[in-house]
Amino acid sequence: MVLRYLIFFLICSQLCGKEKIKTYWEENGIIAVDLEDFEAKKPWKKETDLKGFTGNSYYTWRGPNSYRGAGGGTMEFKIIITKPGDYFLNIHNRHQHHDSTLENDCYTQMDNGRWVKTFSSKRDVWLWQSTHEWDHKKKIPAKYTLSAGLHIFRISGRSHGFSIDRFHLWHSSLNKKSSQTTSVKLSASNSPPVPQSITNKRLISYWNSGRLEMVAREANVLLKKGENQEAQAALDAIDAFAKKRKAQIENLKEFAPSLAYQSLRTLASSLSYTAHEKEIKTELLQLSRDKTFLNNLQAEKIYIRAWIL
């Protein structure tokens, strides 16, 4: 019993710091990320000339062709899967070379797997086609088998002039056509999007910096002043986000208990000044005493080795 609690607190004390890097959560079998939500690394360049992209811009590889290996301008995305299974990758991409078989690709990598050339074969149009070329004889639709928990997806430059707008990872149980469209809602990261009805600059500033606890605090102050409409819209949006995120975390408890606990800690911190804060802190205390949860935590051998050895 003593060892079990030691493992619990050693793991969680290291993993439960405040989240600083955006982590994108799968919802209903899909993750959708717009690259402009991520800071571009040179020589990726933010551009707007090729119409048909989503959001305010897209990224183009303006470095030299890199056919000997990945590593240049690597962009790294943390994603959390709550529905395990096979996930197809589709990159909303475009390339302009007069020969559609040239300068039509980038490198991609899931977790610490092999970097693979990921290409499309039609020029001068935004499209979703994404094919993995493992070798000259093995060219298959881009796909990964993902377990529940945290995964790291990376994109690296390969061909000069190759443009990327966004990428989707979608569960094989979903409809292909509906999963390859720019109308798919972007995945939530640290906080929900700002409701369109909110115009209060202070609320928006806190929201965009990911400080939901300050949004809630300011909204409660506004309610006391009788400024109900925007304040209530903010609190309602936070409440909906909290309920959805707690449901996602619940799906992680059996397969990724350390991540579930870490995510609850982060969520509790971001929900100060709301009713959810007390609920989550109570749940965290209960988890620290729950034998089934502690057994699942102990079974995560990779964490045990990392902090016990």
Protein backbone atom coordinates (compact mmCIF):
# COMPACT_ATOMS: atom_id res chain seq x y z
CA MET A 1 0.00 0.00 0.00
CA VAL A 2 2.81 2.42 0.88
CA LEU A 3 4.51 1.76 -2.48
CA ARG A 4 1.23 2.34 -4.29
CA TYR A 5 0.80 5.79 -2.76
CA LEU A 6 4.48 6.59 -3.35
CA ILE A 7 4.07 5.81 -7.05
CA PHE A 8 0.92 7.90 -7.21
CA PHE A 9 2.46 11.03 -5.74
CA LEU A 10 5.81 10.68 -7.52
CA ILE A 11 4.08 10.48 -10.88
CA CYS A 12 1.49 13.16 -10.30
CA SER A 13 3.86 15.67 -8.71
CA GLN A 14 5.92 15.61 -11.91
CA LEU A 15 3.04 15.56 -14.38
CA CYS A 16 0.56 17.95 -12.84
CA GLY A 17 2.18 21.30 -13.54
CA LYS A 18 0.19 24.02 -15.22
CA GLU A 19 -0.24 23.37 -18.93
CA LYS A 20 1.76 25.84 -21.05
CA ILE A 21 1.70 24.26 -24.51
CA LYS A 22 -1.58 23.79 -26.32
CA THR A 23 -2.86 20.24 -26.25
CA TYR A 24 -5.63 19.32 -28.68
CA TRP A 25 -8.39 16.97 -27.56
CA GLU A 26 -10.10 14.44 -29.78
CA GLU A 27 -13.88 14.80 -29.67
CA ASN A 28 -16.27 12.28 -31.17
CA GLY A 29 -13.42 10.62 -33.04
CA ILE A 30 -11.84 13.65 -34.70
CA ILE A 31 -9.02 16.13 -34.16
CA ALA A 32 -8.88 19.22 -36.39
CA VAL A 33 -6.03 21.72 -36.05
CA ASP A 34 -5.46 24.92 -38.03
CA LEU A 35 -1.72 25.53 -38.39
CA GLU A 36 -2.04 29.26 -37.76
CA ASP A 37 -2.99 28.30 -34.19
CA PHE A 38 0.65 27.18 -33.89
CA GLU A 39 3.66 29.46 -34.11
CA ALA A 40 5.47 28.79 -37.38
CA LYS A 41 9.11 27.77 -37.25
CA LYS A 42 11.39 29.13 -39.96
CA PRO A 43 11.62 28.56 -42.83
CA TRP A 44 7.86 27.88 -42.75
CA LYS A 45 6.25 31.17 -43.80
CA LYS A 46 2.76 32.44 -43.04
CA GLU A 47 1.03 33.37 -46.32
CA THR A 48 -2.36 34.39 -47.71
CA ASP A 49 -1.97 34.50 -51.52
CA LEU A 50 -3.52 31.14 -52.47
CA LYS A 51 -7.22 31.55 -51.83
CA GLY A 52 -9.31 28.69 -50.51
CA PHE A 53 -7.60 28.24 -47.13
CA THR A 54 -9.36 28.44 -43.77
CA GLY A 55 -8.86 31.02 -41.05
CA ASN A 56 -6.51 33.93 -41.71
CA SER A 57 -3.49 32.23 -43.30
CA TYR A 58 -1.62 29.05 -44.19
CA TYR A 59 2.03 27.98 -43.94
CA THR A 60 4.39 27.34 -46.85
CA TRP A 61 7.79 25.65 -46.70
CA ARG A 62 10.21 28.26 -48.05
CA GLY A 63 13.35 26.36 -47.17
CA PRO A 64 15.32 24.22 -49.64
CA ASN A 65 14.18 20.77 -50.69
CA SER A 66 15.10 18.29 -47.95
CA TYR A 67 14.99 14.84 -49.53
CA ARG A 68 17.59 13.18 -47.29
CA GLY A 69 15.65 13.36 -44.06
CA ALA A 70 13.29 15.25 -41.78
CA GLY A 71 14.07 17.70 -39.03
CA GLY A 72 13.83 21.14 -40.62
CA GLY A 73 11.24 23.52 -39.14
CA THR A 74 9.60 20.72 -37.18
CA MET A 75 6.19 21.64 -35.76
CA GLU A 76 5.02 19.53 -32.82
CA PHE A 77 1.40 19.05 -31.77
CA LYS A 78 0.24 17.37 -28.57
CA ILE A 79 -3.00 15.47 -29.06
CA ILE A 80 -5.13 13.51 -26.60
CA ILE A 81 -7.13 10.53 -27.82
CA THR A 82 -10.09 9.32 -25.77
CA LYS A 83 -11.48 6.96 -28.44
CA PRO A 84 -8.72 4.49 -29.37
CA GLY A 85 -8.47 2.89 -32.82
CA ASP A 86 -7.32 3.58 -36.37
CA TYR A 87 -7.08 7.24 -37.35
CA PHE A 88 -6.67 8.54 -40.89
CA LEU A 89 -4.56 11.66 -41.45
CA ASN A 90 -5.63 14.26 -43.98
CA ILE A 91 -3.66 17.45 -44.53
CA HIS A 92 -5.40 20.35 -46.28
CA ASN A 93 -2.54 21.13 -48.65
CA ARG A 94 -1.57 22.74 -51.93
CA HIS A 95 1.44 22.75 -54.25
CA GLN A 96 2.07 24.77 -57.39
CA HIS A 97 4.92 23.03 -59.24
CA HIS A 98 4.12 22.49 -62.96
CA ASP A 99 4.91 18.79 -62.48
CA SER A 100 2.33 17.47 -59.98
CA THR A 101 4.75 14.72 -58.86
CA LEU A 102 7.35 17.23 -57.67
CA GLU A 103 7.46 19.49 -54.60
CA ASN A 104 4.23 17.95 -53.37
CA ASP A 105 5.05 16.71 -49.88
CA CYS A 106 6.21 17.11 -46.30
CA TYR A 107 7.42 14.71 -43.60
CA THR A 108 5.14 13.52 -40.80
CA GLN A 109 5.77 11.50 -37.65
CA MET A 110 3.53 10.09 -34.92
CA ASP A 111 5.11 9.77 -31.48
CA ASN A 112 8.62 8.39 -31.90
CA GLY A 113 7.85 6.41 -35.01
CA ARG A 114 9.58 6.66 -38.33
CA TRP A 115 9.43 9.90 -40.30
CA VAL A 116 7.52 9.29 -43.50
CA LYS A 117 7.06 11.25 -46.71
CA THR A 118 3.42 12.41 -46.89
CA PHE A 119 2.30 13.64 -50.30
CA SER A 120 -0.61 14.52 -52.58
CA SER A 121 -0.73 14.21 -56.34
CA LYS A 122 -2.80 17.09 -57.73
CA ARG A 123 -1.40 20.58 -58.27
CA ASP A 124 -2.80 24.10 -58.09
CA VAL A 125 -5.77 23.32 -55.80
CA TRP A 126 -6.41 22.91 -52.08
CA LEU A 127 -7.16 19.26 -51.40
CA TRP A 128 -7.24 16.70 -48.59
CA GLN A 129 -5.39 13.80 -50.23
CA SER A 130 -2.59 12.53 -47.97
CA THR A 131 -0.58 9.42 -48.83
CA HIS A 132 2.28 7.85 -46.89
CA GLU A 133 5.22 6.69 -48.99
CA TRP A 134 7.08 4.17 -46.85
CA ASP A 135 9.11 3.15 -49.92
CA HIS A 136 8.66 3.25 -53.70
CA LYS A 137 6.45 0.15 -53.61
CA LYS A 138 4.43 0.98 -50.51
CA LYS A 139 2.22 4.03 -50.94
CA ILE A 140 -0.91 3.88 -48.77
CA PRO A 141 -3.44 6.30 -47.26
CA ALA A 142 -1.93 8.02 -44.21
CA LYS A 143 -3.16 6.19 -41.11
CA TYR A 144 -2.13 5.50 -37.49
CA THR A 145 -3.33 3.14 -34.79
CA LEU A 146 -3.68 5.29 -31.68
CA SER A 147 -4.26 4.24 -28.08
CA ALA A 148 -6.18 6.34 -25.57
CA GLY A 149 -3.90 8.97 -24.09
CA LEU A 150 -1.32 11.55 -25.15
CA HIS A 151 0.37 11.38 -28.56
CA ILE A 152 2.82 13.70 -30.30
CA PHE A 153 2.27 14.46 -33.99
CA ARG A 154 5.00 16.26 -35.94
CA ILE A 155 5.27 17.93 -39.35
CA SER A 156 8.62 18.76 -40.94
CA GLY A 157 9.50 20.49 -44.20
CA ARG A 158 10.51 18.50 -47.30
CA SER A 159 9.57 20.25 -50.55
CA HIS A 160 10.02 23.94 -51.29
CA GLY A 161 6.66 25.60 -51.98
CA PHE A 162 4.47 22.96 -50.28
CA SER A 163 1.63 24.68 -48.39
CA ILE A 164 -0.38 23.42 -45.41
CA ASP A 165 -3.57 24.99 -44.09
CA ARG A 166 -4.78 22.51 -41.44
CA PHE A 167 -4.81 18.79 -40.65
CA HIS A 168 -7.46 16.33 -39.49
CA LEU A 169 -7.05 13.01 -37.70
CA TRP A 170 -10.31 11.08 -37.83
CA HIS A 171 -11.42 7.70 -36.49
CA SER A 172 -12.02 4.98 -39.08
CA SER A 173 -15.61 4.59 -37.87
CA LEU A 174 -16.48 8.07 -39.17
CA ASN A 175 -17.68 9.04 -42.62
CA LYS A 176 -14.74 9.92 -44.87
CA LYS A 177 -16.51 12.69 -46.78
CA SER A 178 -17.74 14.52 -43.68
CA SER A 179 -14.29 14.25 -42.06
CA GLN A 180 -12.49 15.87 -44.99
CA THR A 181 -14.12 19.28 -45.07
CA THR A 182 -13.12 22.70 -43.78
CA SER A 183 -16.51 22.93 -42.04
CA VAL A 184 -15.27 20.49 -39.35
CA LYS A 185 -15.05 22.32 -36.02
CA LEU A 186 -11.50 22.95 -34.84
CA SER A 187 -10.47 20.98 -31.77
CA ALA A 188 -10.50 22.63 -28.38
CA SER A 189 -7.17 23.08 -26.65
CA ASN A 190 -6.68 24.86 -23.33
CA SER A 191 -9.97 26.72 -23.48
CA PRO A 192 -13.12 27.04 -25.59
CA PRO A 193 -13.43 29.72 -28.28
CA VAL A 194 -14.67 33.15 -27.24
CA PRO A 195 -18.47 33.37 -27.71
CA GLN A 196 -19.38 35.74 -30.53
CA SER A 197 -21.73 37.66 -28.24
CA ILE A 198 -18.85 38.80 -26.02
CA THR A 199 -17.36 42.21 -26.84
CA ASN A 200 -15.95 43.15 -23.41
CA LYS A 201 -12.24 43.72 -24.05
CA ARG A 202 -11.15 42.56 -20.60
CA LEU A 203 -13.06 39.29 -20.94
CA ILE A 204 -11.66 38.71 -24.42
CA SER A 205 -8.09 39.44 -23.28
CA TYR A 206 -8.30 36.94 -20.44
CA TRP A 207 -9.96 34.39 -22.72
CA ASN A 208 -7.36 34.62 -25.45
CA SER A 209 -4.56 34.16 -22.91
CA GLY A 210 -6.22 30.95 -21.68
CA ARG A 211 -7.05 32.37 -18.24
CA LEU A 212 -10.58 31.08 -17.82
CA GLU A 213 -10.37 31.57 -14.06
CA MET A 214 -9.98 35.32 -14.64
CA VAL A 215 -12.84 35.28 -17.16
CA ALA A 216 -15.08 33.71 -14.52
CA ARG A 217 -13.93 36.17 -11.87
CA GLU A 218 -14.56 39.17 -14.12
CA ALA A 219 -17.92 37.77 -15.24
CA ASN A 220 -19.06 37.43 -11.63
CA VAL A 221 -18.06 41.05 -10.98
CA LEU A 222 -20.09 42.14 -14.01
CA LEU A 223 -23.11 40.18 -12.80
CA LYS A 224 -23.02 42.05 -9.50
CA LYS A 225 -22.98 45.31 -11.46
CA GLY A 226 -26.07 44.23 -13.39
CA GLU A 227 -24.22 43.69 -16.68
CA ASN A 228 -25.82 40.30 -17.14
CA GLN A 229 -25.85 39.46 -20.85
CA GLU A 230 -22.15 39.10 -21.68
CA ALA A 231 -21.26 37.90 -18.19
CA GLN A 232 -23.80 35.09 -18.33
CA ALA A 233 -22.74 34.14 -21.87
CA ALA A 234 -19.15 33.79 -20.63
CA LEU A 235 -20.13 31.67 -17.63
CA ASP A 236 -22.40 29.47 -19.76
CA ALA A 237 -19.59 28.85 -22.26
CA ILE A 238 -17.18 27.95 -19.45
CA ASP A 239 -19.77 25.63 -17.91
CA ALA A 240 -20.33 23.80 -21.21
CA PHE A 241 -16.58 23.49 -21.75
CA ALA A 242 -16.07 22.12 -18.23
CA LYS A 243 -18.76 19.46 -18.65
CA LYS A 244 -17.38 18.35 -22.01
CA ARG A 245 -13.77 18.23 -20.80
CA LYS A 246 -14.72 16.26 -17.66
CA ALA A 247 -16.48 13.70 -19.86
CA GLN A 248 -13.38 13.39 -22.04
CA ILE A 249 -11.15 12.94 -18.99
CA GLU A 250 -13.48 10.25 -17.64
CA ASN A 251 -12.70 8.18 -20.75
CA LEU A 252 -8.99 8.35 -19.92
CA LYS A 253 -9.10 7.06 -16.35
CA GLU A 254 -8.81 3.36 -17.19
CA PHE A 255 -6.26 3.59 -20.02
CA ALA A 256 -4.23 6.68 -19.08
CA PRO A 257 -4.80 7.38 -15.37
CA SER A 258 -1.75 9.66 -14.94
CA LEU A 259 -2.92 11.82 -17.82
CA ALA A 260 -6.47 11.83 -16.46
CA TYR A 261 -5.25 13.04 -13.07
CA GLN A 262 -2.97 15.65 -14.64
CA SER A 263 -5.81 16.91 -16.84
CA LEU A 264 -8.18 17.19 -13.87
CA ARG A 265 -5.58 19.22 -11.98
CA THR A 266 -5.14 21.56 -14.95
CA LEU A 267 -8.91 21.87 -15.37
CA ALA A 268 -9.43 22.65 -11.68
CA SER A 269 -6.84 25.43 -11.90
CA SER A 270 -8.54 26.98 -14.93
CA LEU A 271 -12.01 26.83 -13.32
CA SER A 272 -11.37 28.88 -10.20
CA TYR A 273 -14.32 31.11 -9.29
CA THR A 274 -16.76 28.53 -10.70
CA ALA A 275 -18.77 25.75 -9.05
CA HIS A 276 -16.71 23.19 -10.98
CA GLU A 277 -13.51 23.94 -9.05
CA LYS A 278 -14.78 22.42 -5.80
CA GLU A 279 -16.30 19.44 -7.63
CA ILE A 280 -13.05 18.60 -9.38
CA LYS A 281 -10.90 19.02 -6.27
CA THR A 282 -13.24 16.63 -4.45
CA GLU A 283 -12.90 14.15 -7.31
CA LEU A 284 -9.10 14.44 -7.20
CA LEU A 285 -9.11 13.63 -3.50
CA GLN A 286 -11.36 10.63 -4.11
CA LEU A 287 -9.09 9.36 -6.88
CA SER A 288 -6.07 9.50 -4.58
CA ARG A 289 -7.90 7.00 -2.36
CA ASP A 290 -9.54 4.85 -5.04
CA LYS A 291 -7.99 1.36 -5.17
CA THR A 292 -9.04 0.64 -8.76
CA PHE A 293 -7.62 3.93 -10.01
CA LEU A 294 -4.41 3.42 -8.05
CA ASN A 295 -4.04 -0.08 -9.51
CA ASN A 296 -4.48 1.33 -13.02
CA LEU A 297 -1.92 3.99 -12.21
CA GLN A 298 0.54 1.43 -10.94
CA ALA A 299 0.10 -0.54 -14.16
CA GLU A 300 1.51 2.32 -16.21
CA LYS A 301 4.97 0.81 -16.26
CA ILE A 302 6.52 3.51 -18.35
CA TYR A 303 5.77 6.10 -15.66
CA ILE A 304 6.83 3.78 -12.86
CA ARG A 305 10.20 3.13 -14.52
CA ALA A 306 10.70 6.83 -15.21
CA TRP A 307 10.32 7.96 -11.60
CA ILE A 308 11.21 4.90 -9.47
CA LEU A 309 14.47 3.83 -11.13
